[in-house]
Protein backbone atom coordinates (compact mmCIF):
# COMPACT_ATOMS: atom_id res chain seq x y z
CA UNK A 1 51.12 32.64 78.35
CA UNK A 2 54.74 33.59 77.52
CA UNK A 3 54.53 31.72 74.23
CA UNK A 4 51.40 33.66 73.26
CA UNK A 5 53.12 36.99 73.97
CA UNK A 6 56.17 35.97 71.88
CA UNK A 7 53.87 34.81 69.10
CA UNK A 8 51.99 38.11 69.11
CA UNK A 9 55.27 40.05 69.12
CA UNK A 10 56.62 38.05 66.16
CA UNK A 11 53.32 38.47 64.33
CA UNK A 12 53.42 42.25 64.87
CA UNK A 13 57.03 42.36 63.65
CA UNK A 14 56.12 40.37 60.55
CA UNK A 15 53.19 42.69 59.83
CA UNK A 16 55.42 45.76 60.20
CA UNK A 17 58.02 44.21 57.91
CA UNK A 18 55.32 43.52 55.34
CA UNK A 19 54.08 47.09 55.60
CA UNK A 20 57.63 48.42 55.18
CA UNK A 21 58.21 46.22 52.13
CA UNK A 22 54.91 47.38 50.64
CA UNK A 23 55.82 51.02 51.17
CA UNK A 24 59.23 50.50 49.57
CA UNK A 25 57.65 48.74 46.59
CA UNK A 26 55.13 51.57 46.15
CA UNK A 27 57.93 54.13 46.23
CA UNK A 28 59.89 52.21 43.60
CA UNK A 29 56.82 51.86 41.36
CA UNK A 30 56.08 55.57 41.74
CA UNK A 31 59.64 56.49 40.77
CA UNK A 32 59.47 54.20 37.74
CA UNK A 33 56.17 55.74 36.63
CA UNK A 34 57.56 59.24 37.09
CA UNK A 35 60.66 58.41 35.03
CA UNK A 36 58.49 56.94 32.27
CA UNK A 37 56.34 60.08 32.23
CA UNK A 38 59.46 62.26 32.03
CA UNK A 39 60.79 60.25 29.07
CA UNK A 40 57.42 60.32 27.30
CA UNK A 41 57.10 64.08 27.72
CA UNK A 42 60.62 64.76 26.51
CA UNK A 43 60.09 62.53 23.46
CA UNK A 44 56.79 64.30 22.77
CA UNK A 45 58.42 67.73 22.96
CA UNK A 46 61.29 66.70 20.69
CA UNK A 47 59.36 64.66 18.13
CA UNK A 48 55.77 66.04 18.38
CA UNK A 49 54.23 62.65 19.17
CA UNK A 50 55.08 59.16 20.31
CA UNK A 51 54.45 56.50 17.71
CA UNK A 52 54.81 52.75 18.15
CA UNK A 53 58.57 52.74 17.54
CA UNK A 54 59.28 55.48 20.07
CA UNK A 55 56.93 53.80 22.54
CA UNK A 56 59.01 50.60 22.33
CA UNK A 57 62.21 52.37 23.39
CA UNK A 58 60.73 53.97 26.51
CA UNK A 59 61.30 50.89 28.68
CA UNK A 60 64.97 50.45 27.72
CA UNK A 61 65.53 54.19 28.16
CA UNK A 62 63.99 54.09 31.63
CA UNK A 63 66.65 51.62 32.80
CA UNK A 64 69.43 54.16 32.21
CA UNK A 65 70.79 56.45 34.88
CA UNK A 66 69.81 60.13 34.62
CA UNK A 67 73.41 60.93 33.67
CA UNK A 68 73.20 58.54 30.70
CA UNK A 69 69.60 59.28 29.77
CA UNK A 70 69.52 63.07 29.62
CA UNK A 71 72.22 63.65 26.97
CA UNK A 72 70.81 60.86 24.80
CA UNK A 73 67.31 62.32 24.86
CA UNK A 74 68.56 65.83 24.18
CA UNK A 75 71.19 65.11 21.55
CA UNK A 76 70.32 62.02 19.52
CA UNK A 77 67.97 62.16 16.57
CA UNK A 78 64.87 60.00 16.44
CA UNK A 79 66.62 57.60 14.08
CA UNK A 80 69.71 57.39 16.31
CA UNK A 81 67.55 56.62 19.36
CA UNK A 82 65.67 53.92 17.44
CA UNK A 83 68.87 52.40 16.06
CA UNK A 84 70.41 52.30 19.50
CA UNK A 85 67.44 50.94 21.49
CA UNK A 86 65.47 48.75 19.10
């Protein structure tokens, strides 16, 4: 009977750990999607639309910290962004 109780406790702990990991992963994915949306919108405002070339630099841009990303998006020309990230 003691073994069953320990087993159930370990099973509950494993489930909770799985739930916690799932929540953390969902938060990370949500933050990544939000950052991508921010970059897309800023590129759209600056350059009127996002073509294939601009679309290809969104992923590399999203890996930058906000401190690195913001000045680049606000100051570099389209050509400078493409040269730097393609």
